[in-house]
Protein backbone atom coordinates (compact mmCIF):
# COMPACT_ATOMS: atom_id res chain seq x y z
CA UNK A 1 44.64 -117.43 112.11
CA UNK A 2 42.93 -115.40 109.41
CA UNK A 3 39.42 -114.05 109.35
CA UNK A 4 37.50 -111.92 106.89
CA UNK A 5 36.94 -108.79 108.92
CA UNK A 6 38.31 -105.65 107.31
CA UNK A 7 39.40 -102.54 109.15
CA UNK A 8 39.00 -99.03 107.78
CA UNK A 9 41.81 -96.86 106.52
CA UNK A 10 41.79 -93.12 105.92
CA UNK A 11 43.01 -91.92 102.52
CA UNK A 12 43.94 -88.27 102.42
CA UNK A 13 42.79 -85.48 104.70
CA UNK A 14 39.46 -84.74 103.04
CA UNK A 15 37.47 -87.48 104.78
CA UNK A 16 37.79 -90.49 102.47
CA UNK A 17 37.69 -93.68 104.54
CA UNK A 18 37.46 -97.18 103.05
CA UNK A 19 38.09 -100.79 103.97
CA UNK A 20 41.76 -101.75 103.92
CA UNK A 21 41.40 -103.90 100.80
CA UNK A 22 39.54 -102.67 97.73
CA UNK A 23 38.48 -104.21 94.44
CA UNK A 24 39.90 -103.46 90.99
CA UNK A 25 37.38 -104.12 88.22
CA UNK A 26 39.53 -103.64 85.09
CA UNK A 27 40.12 -107.34 84.42
CA UNK A 28 36.40 -108.02 84.23
CA UNK A 29 36.33 -106.25 80.87
CA UNK A 30 39.82 -105.88 79.38
CA UNK A 31 43.50 -106.90 79.46
CA UNK A 32 43.18 -110.45 80.77
CA UNK A 33 41.53 -112.35 77.95
CA UNK A 34 37.81 -112.59 77.23
CA UNK A 35 35.55 -110.35 79.28
CA UNK A 36 33.47 -111.95 82.03
CA UNK A 37 30.80 -109.52 83.23
CA UNK A 38 28.74 -112.21 85.01
CA UNK A 39 31.70 -113.59 86.93
CA UNK A 40 32.86 -110.08 87.67
CA UNK A 41 29.48 -109.06 89.06
CA UNK A 42 29.48 -112.11 91.32
CA UNK A 43 32.96 -111.20 92.54
CA UNK A 44 31.86 -107.63 93.28
CA UNK A 45 28.88 -108.84 95.29
CA UNK A 46 31.07 -111.26 97.22
CA UNK A 47 33.54 -108.49 97.93
CA UNK A 48 30.77 -106.36 99.40
CA UNK A 49 29.56 -109.27 101.52
CA UNK A 50 33.07 -109.55 102.97
CA UNK A 51 33.35 -105.86 103.82
CA UNK A 52 35.10 -104.38 100.78
CA UNK A 53 33.92 -100.81 100.26
CA UNK A 54 36.09 -99.37 97.45
CA UNK A 55 35.37 -100.43 93.86
CA UNK A 56 37.64 -99.13 91.13
CA UNK A 57 36.73 -98.75 87.46
CA UNK A 58 37.48 -96.35 84.57
CA UNK A 59 36.15 -95.06 81.29
CA UNK A 60 39.06 -96.84 79.57
CA UNK A 61 37.94 -100.28 80.75
CA UNK A 62 35.61 -101.04 77.88
CA UNK A 63 34.36 -97.50 77.22
CA UNK A 64 31.34 -97.84 79.47
CA UNK A 65 31.14 -101.63 79.68
CA UNK A 66 33.09 -101.92 82.93
CA UNK A 67 31.34 -98.97 84.56
CA UNK A 68 27.99 -100.54 83.70
CA UNK A 69 29.01 -103.83 85.31
CA UNK A 70 30.23 -102.09 88.45
CA UNK A 71 27.24 -99.77 88.66
CA UNK A 72 24.69 -102.56 88.26
CA UNK A 73 26.46 -104.85 90.72
CA UNK A 74 26.69 -102.24 93.50
CA UNK A 75 23.26 -100.71 92.87
CA UNK A 76 21.58 -102.58 95.77
CA UNK A 77 24.17 -101.22 98.22
CA UNK A 78 25.34 -98.07 96.44
CA UNK A 79 25.23 -95.89 99.56
CA UNK A 80 27.52 -98.31 101.42
CA UNK A 81 30.43 -98.20 98.99
CA UNK A 82 32.95 -95.91 97.33
CA UNK A 83 33.07 -95.91 93.53
CA UNK A 84 36.24 -94.65 91.89
CA UNK A 85 36.49 -93.99 88.17
CA UNK A 86 38.88 -92.18 85.84
CA UNK A 87 39.14 -89.86 82.85
CA UNK A 88 41.96 -88.92 80.54
CA UNK A 89 42.32 -91.50 77.77
CA UNK A 90 40.88 -91.53 74.26
CA UNK A 91 39.69 -94.60 72.32
CA UNK A 92 42.94 -94.65 70.32
CA UNK A 93 44.88 -94.67 73.62
CA UNK A 94 45.89 -91.07 73.40
CA UNK A 95 45.45 -88.74 76.36
CA UNK A 96 42.97 -85.89 76.73
CA UNK A 97 42.41 -84.00 79.97
CA UNK A 98 40.99 -80.80 78.51
CA UNK A 99 38.28 -79.43 80.81
CA UNK A 100 35.57 -79.94 78.18
CA UNK A 101 36.62 -83.55 77.77
CA UNK A 102 36.60 -84.15 81.54
CA UNK A 103 33.05 -82.77 81.73
CA UNK A 104 31.90 -85.11 78.96
CA UNK A 105 33.53 -88.13 80.60
CA UNK A 106 31.96 -87.35 83.96
CA UNK A 107 28.55 -87.05 82.32
CA UNK A 108 29.03 -90.44 80.65
CA UNK A 109 30.38 -92.11 83.77
CA UNK A 110 27.46 -90.98 85.88
CA UNK A 111 25.11 -92.47 83.30
CA UNK A 112 27.02 -95.73 82.90
CA UNK A 113 27.34 -96.18 86.67
CA UNK A 114 23.70 -95.31 87.26
CA UNK A 115 24.55 -92.93 90.08
CA UNK A 116 24.23 -89.25 90.90
CA UNK A 117 27.79 -88.86 92.18
CA UNK A 118 31.29 -90.26 91.77
CA UNK A 119 33.12 -90.81 95.03
CA UNK A 120 36.68 -90.65 93.67
CA UNK A 121 37.54 -89.15 90.28
CA UNK A 122 41.06 -89.82 89.02
CA UNK A 123 43.01 -88.31 86.19
CA UNK A 124 44.07 -91.61 84.61
CA UNK A 125 47.36 -90.28 83.20
CA UNK A 126 48.97 -86.83 83.16
CA UNK A 127 48.34 -84.93 79.93
CA UNK A 128 51.42 -82.99 78.82
CA UNK A 129 49.26 -80.62 76.77
CA UNK A 130 46.96 -79.59 79.63
CA UNK A 131 48.29 -77.88 82.78
CA UNK A 132 47.37 -79.98 85.78
CA UNK A 133 46.08 -76.81 87.43
CA UNK A 134 43.32 -76.74 84.80
CA UNK A 135 42.57 -80.40 85.47
CA UNK A 136 42.38 -79.86 89.23
CA UNK A 137 40.26 -76.77 88.76
CA UNK A 138 37.75 -78.66 86.64
CA UNK A 139 37.50 -81.48 89.18
CA UNK A 140 37.11 -78.85 91.90
CA UNK A 141 34.03 -77.55 90.11
CA UNK A 142 32.46 -81.02 90.34
CA UNK A 143 33.46 -81.36 94.00
CA UNK A 144 31.97 -77.98 94.84
CA UNK A 145 28.76 -79.05 93.07
CA UNK A 146 28.63 -82.40 94.92
CA UNK A 147 28.91 -84.48 91.74
CA UNK A 148 32.38 -85.70 92.76
CA UNK A 149 33.55 -86.17 96.33
CA UNK A 150 37.32 -86.73 96.14
CA UNK A 151 40.10 -86.00 93.66
CA UNK A 152 42.72 -88.56 92.68
CA UNK A 153 45.74 -88.77 90.40
CA UNK A 154 47.16 -91.87 88.72
CA UNK A 155 50.79 -92.40 87.71
CA UNK A 156 51.71 -88.80 88.53
CA UNK A 157 55.06 -87.50 89.75
CA UNK A 158 55.97 -85.11 92.56
CA UNK A 159 55.68 -81.84 90.62
CA UNK A 160 52.29 -82.79 89.16
CA UNK A 161 51.03 -83.89 92.56
CA UNK A 162 52.12 -80.67 94.26
CA UNK A 163 50.70 -78.42 91.55
CA UNK A 164 47.36 -80.21 91.50
CA UNK A 165 47.14 -80.31 95.29
CA UNK A 166 47.59 -76.55 95.48
CA UNK A 167 44.39 -76.06 93.43
CA UNK A 168 42.23 -78.91 94.75
CA UNK A 169 43.47 -81.16 97.57
CA UNK A 170 44.34 -84.61 96.25
CA UNK A 171 43.01 -87.44 98.37
CA UNK A 172 44.68 -90.39 96.63
CA UNK A 173 47.41 -91.36 94.21
CA UNK A 174 46.96 -94.61 92.30
CA UNK A 175 50.02 -96.29 90.80
CA UNK A 176 51.23 -99.85 90.25
CA UNK A 177 52.89 -101.25 93.38
CA UNK A 178 53.67 -104.76 94.52
CA UNK A 179 56.52 -107.01 95.56
CA UNK A 180 57.40 -106.95 91.85
CA UNK A 181 57.13 -103.16 91.30
CA UNK A 182 58.65 -100.71 93.80
CA UNK A 183 59.50 -97.54 91.88
CA UNK A 184 56.66 -95.51 93.38
CA UNK A 185 58.22 -95.74 96.84
CA UNK A 186 60.24 -92.62 95.96
CA UNK A 187 56.95 -90.70 96.15
CA UNK A 188 55.92 -91.94 99.60
CA UNK A 189 57.59 -89.01 101.43
CA UNK A 190 55.71 -86.37 99.42
CA UNK A 191 52.42 -88.24 99.76
CA UNK A 192 52.84 -88.36 103.52
CA UNK A 193 53.96 -84.73 103.67
CA UNK A 194 50.80 -83.63 101.86
CA UNK A 195 48.51 -86.16 103.52
CA UNK A 196 47.63 -88.08 100.35
CA UNK A 197 46.61 -91.73 100.51
CA UNK A 198 47.99 -94.37 98.18
CA UNK A 199 45.99 -96.95 96.19
CA UNK A 200 48.22 -99.59 94.58
CA UNK A 201 46.89 -101.28 91.48
CA UNK A 202 48.20 -104.68 90.36
CA UNK A 203 49.29 -105.48 93.94
CA UNK A 204 49.63 -109.13 92.89
CA UNK A 205 52.09 -108.36 90.10
CA UNK A 206 49.44 -108.57 87.34
CA UNK A 207 48.65 -112.05 88.61
CA UNK A 208 52.17 -113.46 88.80
CA UNK A 209 52.05 -113.41 92.59
CA UNK A 210 49.03 -115.70 92.63
CA UNK A 211 51.36 -118.58 91.78
CA UNK A 212 49.37 -119.42 88.64
CA UNK A 213 51.54 -117.73 86.00
CA UNK A 214 52.34 -119.59 82.79
CA UNK A 215 54.79 -118.60 80.03
CA UNK A 216 53.82 -115.60 77.89
CA UNK A 217 53.05 -117.63 74.76
CA UNK A 218 50.30 -119.50 76.59
CA UNK A 219 48.13 -116.38 76.91
CA UNK A 220 45.74 -115.08 74.25
CA UNK A 221 46.64 -112.15 72.04
CA UNK A 222 44.30 -109.84 73.98
CA UNK A 223 45.98 -110.66 77.32
CA UNK A 224 48.54 -108.07 78.43
CA UNK A 225 50.73 -110.79 79.95
CA UNK A 226 51.59 -112.08 76.48
CA UNK A 227 53.88 -109.06 76.01
CA UNK A 228 54.74 -108.32 79.64
CA UNK A 229 58.55 -108.43 80.05
CA UNK A 230 58.23 -110.29 83.34
CA UNK A 231 56.64 -113.21 81.51
CA UNK A 232 59.33 -113.45 78.83
CA UNK A 233 61.94 -116.25 78.78
CA UNK A 234 64.66 -115.67 81.35
CA UNK A 235 62.66 -113.25 83.47
CA UNK A 236 59.78 -115.71 83.71
CA UNK A 237 61.92 -118.43 85.26
CA UNK A 238 63.48 -116.08 87.81
CA UNK A 239 60.10 -114.65 88.78
CA UNK A 240 58.64 -118.15 89.04
CA UNK A 241 61.45 -119.17 91.36
CA UNK A 242 60.98 -116.10 93.55
CA UNK A 243 57.22 -116.70 93.70
CA UNK A 244 57.80 -120.33 94.71
CA UNK A 245 60.09 -119.21 97.53
CA UNK A 246 57.48 -116.72 98.69
CA UNK A 247 54.85 -119.47 98.52
CA UNK A 248 56.90 -121.64 100.88
CA UNK A 249 57.15 -118.77 103.35
CA UNK A 250 53.40 -118.21 103.03
CA UNK A 251 52.67 -121.90 103.59
CA UNK A 252 54.68 -121.80 106.82
CA UNK A 253 52.20 -119.17 107.99
CA UNK A 254 49.14 -121.05 106.80
CA UNK A 255 48.58 -118.62 103.94
CA UNK A 256 48.78 -118.46 100.15
CA UNK A 257 51.38 -116.53 98.20
CA UNK A 258 48.68 -114.04 97.14
CA UNK A 259 47.85 -113.37 100.77
CA UNK A 260 51.50 -112.92 101.64
CA UNK A 261 51.93 -110.44 98.78
CA UNK A 262 48.88 -108.41 99.81
CA UNK A 263 49.87 -108.48 103.49
CA UNK A 264 53.28 -107.10 102.47
CA UNK A 265 51.64 -104.19 100.63
CA UNK A 266 49.40 -103.47 103.61
CA UNK A 267 52.43 -103.49 105.91
CA UNK A 268 54.02 -100.60 104.03
CA UNK A 269 51.75 -98.02 105.67
CA UNK A 270 48.32 -97.37 107.18
CA UNK A 271 47.63 -94.92 104.34
CA UNK A 272 47.71 -97.67 101.68
CA UNK A 273 44.68 -99.54 100.28
CA UNK A 274 45.47 -102.06 97.50
CA UNK A 275 42.85 -102.91 94.88
CA UNK A 276 43.48 -106.49 93.70
CA UNK A 277 41.33 -107.39 90.74
CA UNK A 278 39.60 -110.66 89.98
CA UNK A 279 36.57 -112.21 88.29
CA UNK A 280 36.40 -114.98 90.89
CA UNK A 281 34.31 -114.80 94.05
CA UNK A 282 36.59 -117.44 95.59
CA UNK A 283 39.65 -115.32 94.84
CA UNK A 284 37.94 -112.34 96.49
CA UNK A 285 37.59 -114.36 99.69
CA UNK A 286 41.27 -115.28 99.53
CA UNK A 287 42.31 -111.67 98.98
CA UNK A 288 40.20 -110.29 101.81
CA UNK A 289 41.61 -112.83 104.25
CA UNK A 290 45.08 -111.39 103.61
CA UNK A 291 44.19 -108.42 105.79
CA UNK A 292 44.38 -110.67 108.84
CA UNK A 293 47.80 -112.10 108.03
CA UNK A 294 50.37 -110.63 110.38
CA UNK A 295 53.93 -110.35 109.08
CA UNK A 296 56.77 -110.24 111.60
CA UNK A 297 60.03 -108.38 111.13
CA UNK A 298 61.54 -111.77 110.41
CA UNK A 299 58.97 -112.40 107.68
CA UNK A 300 59.65 -109.03 106.11
CA UNK A 301 63.36 -109.74 106.21
CA UNK A 302 62.90 -113.07 104.43
CA UNK A 303 60.73 -111.40 101.79
CA UNK A 304 63.42 -108.76 101.25
CA UNK A 305 65.99 -111.51 100.74
CA UNK A 306 63.83 -113.14 98.08
CA UNK A 307 62.92 -109.94 96.21
CA UNK A 308 65.21 -107.14 97.40
CA UNK A 309 64.41 -104.75 94.53
CA UNK A 310 61.27 -106.10 92.92
CA UNK A 311 60.60 -108.59 90.14
CA UNK A 312 62.75 -109.44 87.15
CA UNK A 313 62.05 -107.65 83.88
CA UNK A 314 60.95 -104.16 82.92
CA UNK A 315 57.54 -102.82 83.82
CA UNK A 316 56.50 -102.20 80.20
CA UNK A 317 57.40 -103.60 76.76
CA UNK A 318 60.05 -101.61 74.90
CA UNK A 319 57.68 -100.80 72.03
CA UNK A 320 54.93 -99.26 74.17
CA UNK A 321 54.12 -95.71 72.94
CA UNK A 322 55.81 -93.05 75.05
CA UNK A 323 52.57 -91.46 76.22
CA UNK A 324 51.48 -94.77 77.74
CA UNK A 325 54.63 -95.07 79.82
CA UNK A 326 54.34 -92.91 82.94
CA UNK A 327 57.01 -90.21 82.92
CA UNK A 328 57.16 -89.07 86.50
CA UNK A 329 58.26 -85.47 86.74
């Protein structure tokens, strides 16, 4: 029923075209326990072997460590893939999108990645102190020079998107989206009006939708799931039950719950390319196979019955600093 052949999808109107499933590299270096650069590099190579062409990293993911892993892993086939990276955070998790800071980050990223150009450059988070027009204008300078090919925004709202797009066309918006997290759907009309593609991160609900979630207190202190509201008592049990019901539906179709979750994301539009992350080459194979899983209207209806409005629990802990919580305008 499922094979490993990926089709291409067009993101934005500026020419960006990538395979329908991408690869998110963050977890190789941060957020999910101890870093695993060797396993991550193997997963990246496997992804390329299976037709994945978009590899997503960021300055924030280890302050060069993650970009080095990605750059080294894709070096043998650099011209065949799209590398996306991001600017906008500081080491103390503040935000800084001043033009001079962007220029410094781009210089560093090019060096860490071992490349002469960045395919997609995202502003990682809006910076309330820097007009987005200045941000877009700075990225435009790099695009005009050929150092950057496409401009992206992450966790931005409608006003920010429109203002940036008026200065330098935005090719992609990246924001969390999965069966567990639906809020960004309110932005789909403006993205489609402006011809902007959408790249969901955490399309497997930060790993919950793999069916392998355990209670929050079983994760290490450096694992984001330890404080994630969806893993806390009460929410955890309800999310586990929903995932088990989804797994039974997936099994009826000869698939895993991860594949069902990714197929659902893909079904939301031809302008959507999810970037599931993993350190496991085997998990990459599983994720890629999801692209060949066809969901019927009946399947989509059953999924909507199980999770009509997303997962249980807030997206972020209550004590997260305000500037780290996206405030869509």
